[in-house]
């Protein structure tokens, strides 16, 4: 076997290397670097890209990756892993979805601001576009990819694999196979919404021939042991399914394949009380949450307009009119 070449790093078969690659230079001359964890197996196999924290408050994903890869034996691994545990170091440093200091400094120059939606990127563009281009150079050299996210603070998802747009043909079909092997129990297969829009990481990876999906789980700004353990299991399920490590994937007890997200927004302001649990199956007309005013009077009841799964709760204690209160996954 030959050495694995990743971002000017040469990794010998059966070895593991930690490395950092340059992203940008800041105004004071500080160089911001992207951390990598590269495992080049001692035996032939596929190349898997794993990324987390392209939004800086998505810390569960960082822990999911180091736990999933903690005891991987490079000599026994079949194939290679290109792991980027913190895909956006400046956002991670800010503990925010975006590198907020850069955005506040010059908002118009930082548009587009969200690197996750800027793929395949532009090496001569702004910060978000440079980051996307740097990551995409590594992604398109791989055979498969999983991009790990959490919702931002104030929301919580079931562990859900969100597929790229279904018009991407055979590569989309491969991504869907991987999502079933992932084993979380929730899959979104939709043709609408921002998750399947042009420019999203998994969409552009799949378009480039690398089957990929977005994995959402837990809540931003938190480290949650159950979320981390389960997420690590799902990542290792993919590795088993690809034949990279020994064992069979652990299947979900039941898998819900959904066709659309339906976000429900508050029409009144007040304190938000959830009436259903995350992951519950609901029927049209079921009460999902209630809003009470500061005197304790109920001012709004939010009900399910259709049958579905309660896939995302709002964990904020209060809401204003127009804020998202609940999200259903329609079956």
Protein backbone atom coordinates (compact mmCIF):
# COMPACT_ATOMS: atom_id res chain seq x y z
CA UNK A 1 0.00 0.00 0.00
CA UNK A 2 1.04 3.55 -0.70
CA UNK A 3 1.14 6.46 1.69
CA UNK A 4 -2.05 8.50 2.06
CA UNK A 5 -1.64 12.10 0.89
CA UNK A 6 -3.96 14.57 2.65
CA UNK A 7 -3.44 18.33 2.63
CA UNK A 8 0.31 18.00 1.99
CA UNK A 9 0.59 15.39 4.75
CA UNK A 10 1.93 11.96 3.88
CA UNK A 11 0.66 9.17 6.16
CA UNK A 12 2.17 5.68 5.99
CA UNK A 13 -0.07 2.59 5.96
CA UNK A 14 -1.03 1.39 9.42
CA UNK A 15 -0.37 4.74 11.11
CA UNK A 16 -2.29 7.64 12.62
CA UNK A 17 -1.28 11.29 12.42
CA UNK A 18 -2.61 14.47 13.96
CA UNK A 19 -1.98 17.50 11.83
CA UNK A 20 -3.12 21.08 11.25
CA UNK A 21 -3.51 22.91 7.95
CA UNK A 22 -3.52 26.65 7.44
CA UNK A 23 -6.87 28.37 6.95
CA UNK A 24 -6.35 32.15 7.19
CA UNK A 25 -4.08 34.80 8.66
CA UNK A 26 -5.72 37.26 11.06
CA UNK A 27 -5.00 40.97 11.36
CA UNK A 28 -2.35 40.49 14.06
CA UNK A 29 -0.52 37.86 12.04
CA UNK A 30 -2.01 34.89 13.91
CA UNK A 31 -2.47 31.88 11.66
CA UNK A 32 -5.72 29.96 12.11
CA UNK A 33 -5.32 26.25 11.40
CA UNK A 34 -7.81 23.41 10.89
CA UNK A 35 -7.09 20.29 12.99
CA UNK A 36 -7.00 16.88 11.33
CA UNK A 37 -6.93 13.33 12.65
CA UNK A 38 -5.82 11.02 9.84
CA UNK A 39 -5.88 7.24 10.13
CA UNK A 40 -4.42 5.34 7.19
CA UNK A 41 -5.30 1.70 7.57
CA UNK A 42 -2.89 -1.15 7.15
CA UNK A 43 -5.26 -2.83 4.69
CA UNK A 44 -7.03 -1.60 1.54
CA UNK A 45 -10.54 -0.17 1.85
CA UNK A 46 -12.65 2.95 1.38
CA UNK A 47 -11.75 6.47 2.42
CA UNK A 48 -14.24 8.03 4.85
CA UNK A 49 -14.51 11.75 5.63
CA UNK A 50 -15.88 12.66 9.06
CA UNK A 51 -16.45 16.30 10.01
CA UNK A 52 -17.96 18.19 12.94
CA UNK A 53 -18.31 21.73 14.32
CA UNK A 54 -18.53 23.71 11.10
CA UNK A 55 -20.81 25.71 13.40
CA UNK A 56 -18.87 26.58 16.52
CA UNK A 57 -21.48 25.71 19.16
CA UNK A 58 -21.91 22.14 17.89
CA UNK A 59 -19.61 20.58 20.46
CA UNK A 60 -21.38 17.21 20.76
CA UNK A 61 -20.09 16.36 17.28
CA UNK A 62 -16.47 16.89 18.33
CA UNK A 63 -16.88 14.44 21.20
CA UNK A 64 -18.78 11.96 19.01
CA UNK A 65 -15.81 11.77 16.67
CA UNK A 66 -13.07 11.35 19.25
CA UNK A 67 -15.12 8.71 21.03
CA UNK A 68 -15.94 6.83 17.81
CA UNK A 69 -12.28 6.75 16.80
CA UNK A 70 -10.68 6.31 20.23
CA UNK A 71 -9.74 2.65 19.94
CA UNK A 72 -9.30 2.29 16.19
CA UNK A 73 -6.23 0.17 15.44
CA UNK A 74 -4.57 1.70 12.36
CA UNK A 75 -2.88 -1.58 11.46
CA UNK A 76 -6.20 -3.45 11.41
CA UNK A 77 -8.24 -0.68 9.75
CA UNK A 78 -9.35 -1.40 6.19
CA UNK A 79 -9.24 1.89 4.36
CA UNK A 80 -8.62 5.40 5.66
CA UNK A 81 -10.33 8.03 7.79
CA UNK A 82 -9.99 11.75 7.20
CA UNK A 83 -11.42 13.28 10.36
CA UNK A 84 -11.83 17.02 10.86
CA UNK A 85 -13.15 17.31 14.43
CA UNK A 86 -13.45 21.12 14.27
CA UNK A 87 -14.23 22.19 10.73
CA UNK A 88 -14.42 25.91 11.61
CA UNK A 89 -11.87 26.83 14.30
CA UNK A 90 -12.82 30.52 14.45
CA UNK A 91 -16.49 29.70 15.06
CA UNK A 92 -15.48 27.11 17.64
CA UNK A 93 -13.33 29.69 19.42
CA UNK A 94 -16.33 32.08 19.45
CA UNK A 95 -18.63 29.29 20.72
CA UNK A 96 -21.11 30.51 18.10
CA UNK A 97 -22.52 29.25 14.81
CA UNK A 98 -20.48 31.93 13.03
CA UNK A 99 -17.08 33.57 13.67
CA UNK A 100 -19.00 36.45 15.18
CA UNK A 101 -16.06 38.86 15.60
CA UNK A 102 -15.36 38.77 11.86
CA UNK A 103 -19.04 39.17 11.02
CA UNK A 104 -19.47 42.14 13.37
CA UNK A 105 -16.34 43.78 12.01
CA UNK A 106 -17.58 43.88 8.42
CA UNK A 107 -20.97 42.21 7.85
CA UNK A 108 -21.24 42.88 4.12
CA UNK A 109 -17.75 41.55 3.43
CA UNK A 110 -18.61 38.38 5.35
CA UNK A 111 -21.67 37.60 3.24
CA UNK A 112 -22.17 34.74 2.69
CA UNK A 113 -21.34 34.10 6.35
CA UNK A 114 -22.20 30.42 6.89
CA UNK A 115 -19.44 28.21 5.49
CA UNK A 116 -21.73 25.14 5.65
CA UNK A 117 -23.83 26.67 2.86
CA UNK A 118 -20.89 27.89 0.73
CA UNK A 119 -19.68 24.66 -0.87
CA UNK A 120 -17.74 23.96 -3.01
CA UNK A 121 -16.27 27.26 -1.85
CA UNK A 122 -13.83 29.72 -3.34
CA UNK A 123 -10.15 29.79 -2.40
CA UNK A 124 -10.07 33.50 -3.33
CA UNK A 125 -13.31 34.44 -1.56
CA UNK A 126 -14.16 35.54 1.95
CA UNK A 127 -13.55 33.52 5.12
CA UNK A 128 -16.58 31.24 4.75
CA UNK A 129 -15.79 30.52 1.11
CA UNK A 130 -12.09 29.87 1.80
CA UNK A 131 -13.00 27.43 4.55
CA UNK A 132 -15.50 25.60 2.34
CA UNK A 133 -12.95 25.31 -0.46
CA UNK A 134 -10.29 23.98 1.94
CA UNK A 135 -12.61 21.32 3.34
CA UNK A 136 -14.00 20.42 -0.08
CA UNK A 137 -10.52 19.67 -1.40
CA UNK A 138 -10.33 16.90 1.23
CA UNK A 139 -13.93 15.71 0.91
CA UNK A 140 -13.81 15.16 -2.84
CA UNK A 141 -10.77 12.88 -2.42
CA UNK A 142 -12.84 10.56 -0.21
CA UNK A 143 -15.39 7.86 -1.05
CA UNK A 144 -18.00 8.62 1.65
CA UNK A 145 -18.71 11.49 4.04
CA UNK A 146 -20.70 12.21 7.20
CA UNK A 147 -21.15 15.81 8.39
CA UNK A 148 -22.16 16.07 12.08
CA UNK A 149 -24.29 18.91 13.47
CA UNK A 150 -26.50 19.91 16.35
CA UNK A 151 -29.22 22.55 16.20
CA UNK A 152 -28.20 25.84 17.69
CA UNK A 153 -28.92 26.60 21.35
CA UNK A 154 -32.60 26.45 22.17
CA UNK A 155 -33.46 23.43 20.02
CA UNK A 156 -33.04 19.69 20.24
CA UNK A 157 -33.23 17.10 17.45
CA UNK A 158 -33.75 13.38 17.48
CA UNK A 159 -30.61 11.75 15.99
CA UNK A 160 -31.56 12.23 12.36
CA UNK A 161 -29.72 11.57 9.09
CA UNK A 162 -30.77 14.21 6.56
CA UNK A 163 -30.14 13.18 2.98
CA UNK A 164 -29.09 15.48 0.14
CA UNK A 165 -31.49 16.30 -2.68
CA UNK A 166 -32.89 13.12 -4.31
CA UNK A 167 -32.23 14.48 -7.81
CA UNK A 168 -28.56 13.55 -7.33
CA UNK A 169 -29.18 10.07 -8.70
CA UNK A 170 -27.07 7.03 -7.94
CA UNK A 171 -24.84 8.85 -5.47
CA UNK A 172 -27.92 9.93 -3.51
CA UNK A 173 -29.04 6.29 -3.44
CA UNK A 174 -25.69 5.32 -1.93
CA UNK A 175 -26.05 8.07 0.67
CA UNK A 176 -29.47 6.67 1.56
CA UNK A 177 -28.03 3.18 1.98
CA UNK A 178 -25.42 4.62 4.33
CA UNK A 179 -28.13 6.45 6.30
CA UNK A 180 -29.97 3.17 6.90
CA UNK A 181 -26.73 1.48 7.99
CA UNK A 182 -26.08 4.44 10.30
CA UNK A 183 -28.86 3.04 12.47
CA UNK A 184 -30.15 6.12 14.31
CA UNK A 185 -33.78 5.37 13.49
CA UNK A 186 -34.68 8.68 11.82
CA UNK A 187 -34.02 9.58 8.18
CA UNK A 188 -35.21 12.70 6.34
CA UNK A 189 -35.61 12.17 2.61
CA UNK A 190 -36.92 15.46 1.28
CA UNK A 191 -36.72 17.57 -1.85
CA UNK A 192 -37.46 20.90 -0.13
CA UNK A 193 -35.91 23.15 2.49
CA UNK A 194 -32.45 24.52 3.22
CA UNK A 195 -30.93 21.11 4.08
CA UNK A 196 -31.12 20.10 0.41
CA UNK A 197 -30.27 23.48 -1.11
CA UNK A 198 -27.35 24.05 -3.46
CA UNK A 199 -24.21 24.95 -1.53
CA UNK A 200 -24.87 22.73 1.49
CA UNK A 201 -21.87 20.51 2.32
CA UNK A 202 -23.55 17.12 1.85
CA UNK A 203 -25.38 18.26 -1.29
CA UNK A 204 -22.20 19.40 -3.02
CA UNK A 205 -20.23 16.38 -1.81
CA UNK A 206 -22.88 14.05 -3.24
CA UNK A 207 -22.99 16.06 -6.46
CA UNK A 208 -19.21 15.57 -6.71
CA UNK A 209 -19.63 11.79 -6.40
CA UNK A 210 -19.06 11.41 -2.64
CA UNK A 211 -22.22 10.01 -0.95
CA UNK A 212 -22.88 12.14 2.13
CA UNK A 213 -25.56 13.19 4.58
CA UNK A 214 -26.05 15.71 7.39
CA UNK A 215 -26.38 14.20 10.85
CA UNK A 216 -28.26 16.34 13.39
CA UNK A 217 -28.45 15.35 17.05
CA UNK A 218 -28.73 16.83 20.53
CA UNK A 219 -28.49 20.55 21.21
CA UNK A 220 -25.87 23.21 20.57
CA UNK A 221 -23.60 24.40 23.36
CA UNK A 222 -23.86 21.18 25.38
CA UNK A 223 -21.87 18.00 25.95
CA UNK A 224 -24.35 15.17 26.54
CA UNK A 225 -23.07 11.70 27.35
CA UNK A 226 -26.04 9.81 25.89
CA UNK A 227 -25.92 11.83 22.66
CA UNK A 228 -22.15 11.30 22.40
CA UNK A 229 -22.32 7.55 23.05
CA UNK A 230 -25.15 7.02 20.59
CA UNK A 231 -23.50 9.18 17.95
CA UNK A 232 -20.23 7.27 18.28
CA UNK A 233 -22.17 4.02 17.80
CA UNK A 234 -23.75 5.34 14.60
CA UNK A 235 -20.37 6.40 13.19
CA UNK A 236 -18.94 2.98 13.97
CA UNK A 237 -22.01 1.40 12.33
CA UNK A 238 -21.01 3.13 9.10
CA UNK A 239 -17.45 1.91 9.44
CA UNK A 240 -18.68 -1.66 9.97
CA UNK A 241 -21.07 -1.39 7.03
CA UNK A 242 -18.20 -0.23 4.82
CA UNK A 243 -16.07 -3.13 6.02
CA UNK A 244 -13.48 -0.85 7.59
CA UNK A 245 -13.67 -2.48 11.03
CA UNK A 246 -14.96 -5.86 12.18
CA UNK A 247 -18.53 -6.46 13.29
CA UNK A 248 -22.05 -5.90 12.08
CA UNK A 249 -23.87 -2.56 12.34
CA UNK A 250 -26.33 -2.26 15.23
CA UNK A 251 -29.72 -1.73 13.55
CA UNK A 252 -32.36 0.65 14.84
CA UNK A 253 -35.38 -0.95 16.47
CA UNK A 254 -37.48 0.97 13.93
CA UNK A 255 -36.58 3.49 11.25
CA UNK A 256 -38.82 6.40 10.29
CA UNK A 257 -38.21 7.72 6.78
CA UNK A 258 -39.77 11.17 6.55
CA UNK A 259 -40.57 13.33 3.55
CA UNK A 260 -40.59 16.88 4.93
CA UNK A 261 -39.87 19.07 7.94
CA UNK A 262 -42.83 21.13 9.14
CA UNK A 263 -41.83 23.95 11.48
CA UNK A 264 -44.54 25.45 13.67
CA UNK A 265 -44.06 28.99 14.95
CA UNK A 266 -45.58 30.76 17.91
CA UNK A 267 -48.34 33.27 17.21
CA UNK A 268 -48.26 34.59 20.77
CA UNK A 269 -45.46 35.38 23.19
CA UNK A 270 -45.00 33.79 26.58
CA UNK A 271 -43.63 30.76 28.41
CA UNK A 272 -43.36 27.60 26.31
CA UNK A 273 -44.49 24.25 27.74
CA UNK A 274 -43.84 21.10 25.70
CA UNK A 275 -46.69 18.58 25.83
CA UNK A 276 -45.04 15.84 23.77
CA UNK A 277 -41.67 14.16 24.09
CA UNK A 278 -38.96 14.31 21.47
CA UNK A 279 -39.39 11.39 19.07
CA UNK A 280 -43.10 10.86 19.79
CA UNK A 281 -45.40 9.79 16.98
CA UNK A 282 -48.25 12.28 16.81
CA UNK A 283 -51.60 12.44 15.09
CA UNK A 284 -53.23 15.46 13.46
CA UNK A 285 -54.85 17.47 16.23
CA UNK A 286 -52.52 16.34 19.02
CA UNK A 287 -51.26 19.11 21.28
CA UNK A 288 -47.51 19.61 20.87
CA UNK A 289 -46.95 22.56 23.21
CA UNK A 290 -48.71 25.37 24.99
CA UNK A 291 -47.85 29.00 25.51
CA UNK A 292 -48.87 30.72 28.72
CA UNK A 293 -48.52 34.40 29.49
CA UNK A 294 -46.66 35.82 32.48
CA UNK A 295 -49.85 35.54 34.58
CA UNK A 296 -50.18 31.82 33.88
CA UNK A 297 -53.06 32.05 31.43
CA UNK A 298 -52.82 29.83 28.35
CA UNK A 299 -52.75 32.08 25.28
CA UNK A 300 -51.98 29.53 22.55
CA UNK A 301 -52.11 25.79 21.98
CA UNK A 302 -49.94 24.50 19.13
CA UNK A 303 -51.34 21.35 17.58
CA UNK A 304 -50.07 18.99 14.91
CA UNK A 305 -51.73 19.86 11.58
CA UNK A 306 -50.76 16.46 10.16
CA UNK A 307 -49.57 13.05 11.35
CA UNK A 308 -45.83 12.91 11.92
CA UNK A 309 -42.93 12.53 14.31
CA UNK A 310 -41.93 15.18 16.87
CA UNK A 311 -38.35 15.50 15.61
CA UNK A 312 -37.26 18.84 17.05
CA UNK A 313 -38.31 20.52 20.28
CA UNK A 314 -37.67 24.06 21.38
CA UNK A 315 -35.85 24.01 24.70
CA UNK A 316 -36.10 27.74 25.32
CA UNK A 317 -38.29 28.66 28.28
CA UNK A 318 -39.87 31.60 26.49
CA UNK A 319 -40.84 32.47 22.93
CA UNK A 320 -41.93 35.58 21.10
CA UNK A 321 -44.35 35.64 18.23
CA UNK A 322 -42.68 34.23 15.11
CA UNK A 323 -40.18 32.01 16.92
CA UNK A 324 -40.12 28.29 16.17
CA UNK A 325 -41.95 26.28 18.82
CA UNK A 326 -41.85 22.76 17.37
CA UNK A 327 -40.91 20.80 14.26
CA UNK A 328 -42.59 17.70 12.87
CA UNK A 329 -41.15 15.20 10.43
CA UNK A 330 -43.97 14.26 8.08
CA UNK A 331 -44.16 10.58 7.14
